[in-house]
């Protein structure tokens, strides 16, 4: 899952960078309607990137809880699958 999130994030960042370039080009060409469409796409990509950040944060919090439980000697069945 971590690799999948990483790959998704890289892909979204590349797409967002292209959108920014396109927006700049369309503005220079005074093509405001197409620039608006690209801005809408950029907004969507930013929302997706933000969702990935939230997933990474929740995952880190989960690992903290699991590590704390492990230190206390508490075993959970899903932990071996999660960490494995």
Protein backbone atom coordinates (compact mmCIF):
# COMPACT_ATOMS: atom_id res chain seq x y z
CA UNK A 1 0.00 0.00 0.00
CA UNK A 2 2.84 2.36 0.83
CA UNK A 3 4.38 1.83 -2.61
CA UNK A 4 1.00 2.40 -4.24
CA UNK A 5 0.53 5.69 -2.40
CA UNK A 6 4.04 6.77 -3.33
CA UNK A 7 3.47 6.00 -7.02
CA UNK A 8 0.09 7.75 -6.98
CA UNK A 9 1.66 10.79 -5.36
CA UNK A 10 4.48 10.95 -7.92
CA UNK A 11 1.98 10.64 -10.77
CA UNK A 12 -0.29 13.33 -9.36
CA UNK A 13 2.64 15.69 -8.77
CA UNK A 14 3.77 15.27 -12.37
CA UNK A 15 0.25 15.91 -13.65
CA UNK A 16 -0.10 18.97 -11.43
CA UNK A 17 3.20 20.37 -12.71
CA UNK A 18 2.03 19.90 -16.29
CA UNK A 19 -1.23 21.66 -15.47
CA UNK A 20 0.67 24.64 -14.12
CA UNK A 21 2.73 24.78 -17.32
CA UNK A 22 -0.41 24.54 -19.45
CA UNK A 23 -2.15 27.25 -17.44
CA UNK A 24 0.81 29.56 -17.95
CA UNK A 25 0.84 28.83 -21.69
CA UNK A 26 -2.91 29.38 -22.04
CA UNK A 27 -2.70 32.65 -20.12
CA UNK A 28 0.09 33.89 -22.37
CA UNK A 29 -2.07 33.00 -25.39
CA UNK A 30 -5.11 34.66 -23.79
CA UNK A 31 -7.02 31.38 -23.94
CA UNK A 32 -8.85 31.95 -20.68
CA UNK A 33 -11.51 29.28 -21.11
CA UNK A 34 -8.92 26.52 -21.52
CA UNK A 35 -6.94 27.98 -18.62
CA UNK A 36 -10.07 27.69 -16.46
CA UNK A 37 -10.45 24.05 -17.45
CA UNK A 38 -6.82 23.37 -16.52
CA UNK A 39 -7.31 25.20 -13.23
CA UNK A 40 -10.24 22.93 -12.48
CA UNK A 41 -8.04 19.92 -13.21
CA UNK A 42 -5.29 21.35 -11.00
CA UNK A 43 -7.79 21.82 -8.16
CA UNK A 44 -8.85 18.18 -8.52
CA UNK A 45 -5.22 17.00 -8.49
CA UNK A 46 -4.50 19.09 -5.39
CA UNK A 47 -7.50 17.54 -3.62
CA UNK A 48 -6.15 14.08 -4.51
CA UNK A 49 -2.68 14.98 -3.23
CA UNK A 50 -4.18 16.26 -0.01
CA UNK A 51 -6.10 12.99 0.42
CA UNK A 52 -2.86 11.04 0.00
CA UNK A 53 -1.21 13.19 2.69
CA UNK A 54 -4.09 12.41 5.04
CA UNK A 55 -3.74 8.68 4.33
CA UNK A 56 -0.01 8.84 5.06
CA UNK A 57 -0.67 10.67 8.32
CA UNK A 58 -3.31 8.14 9.43
CA UNK A 59 -0.96 5.30 8.50
CA UNK A 60 1.84 6.83 10.58
CA UNK A 61 -0.54 7.23 13.50
CA UNK A 62 -1.61 3.60 13.17
CA UNK A 63 2.00 2.45 13.21
CA UNK A 64 2.56 4.52 16.37
CA UNK A 65 -0.39 2.84 18.09
CA UNK A 66 0.78 -0.61 16.94
CA UNK A 67 4.32 0.06 18.17
CA UNK A 68 2.96 1.24 21.53
CA UNK A 69 0.79 -1.86 21.84
CA UNK A 70 3.72 -4.09 20.91
CA UNK A 71 5.85 -2.42 23.59
CA UNK A 72 3.09 -3.20 26.09
CA UNK A 73 3.08 -6.84 24.99
CA UNK A 74 -0.27 -6.68 23.25
CA UNK A 75 -0.48 -8.81 20.12
CA UNK A 76 -2.98 -8.08 17.35
CA UNK A 77 -3.67 -10.49 14.48
CA UNK A 78 -3.65 -7.89 11.74
CA UNK A 79 -0.30 -6.47 12.84
CA UNK A 80 1.70 -9.24 11.25
CA UNK A 81 -0.11 -8.63 7.92
CA UNK A 82 0.23 -4.88 8.30
CA UNK A 83 3.95 -4.97 9.04
CA UNK A 84 4.72 -7.95 6.82
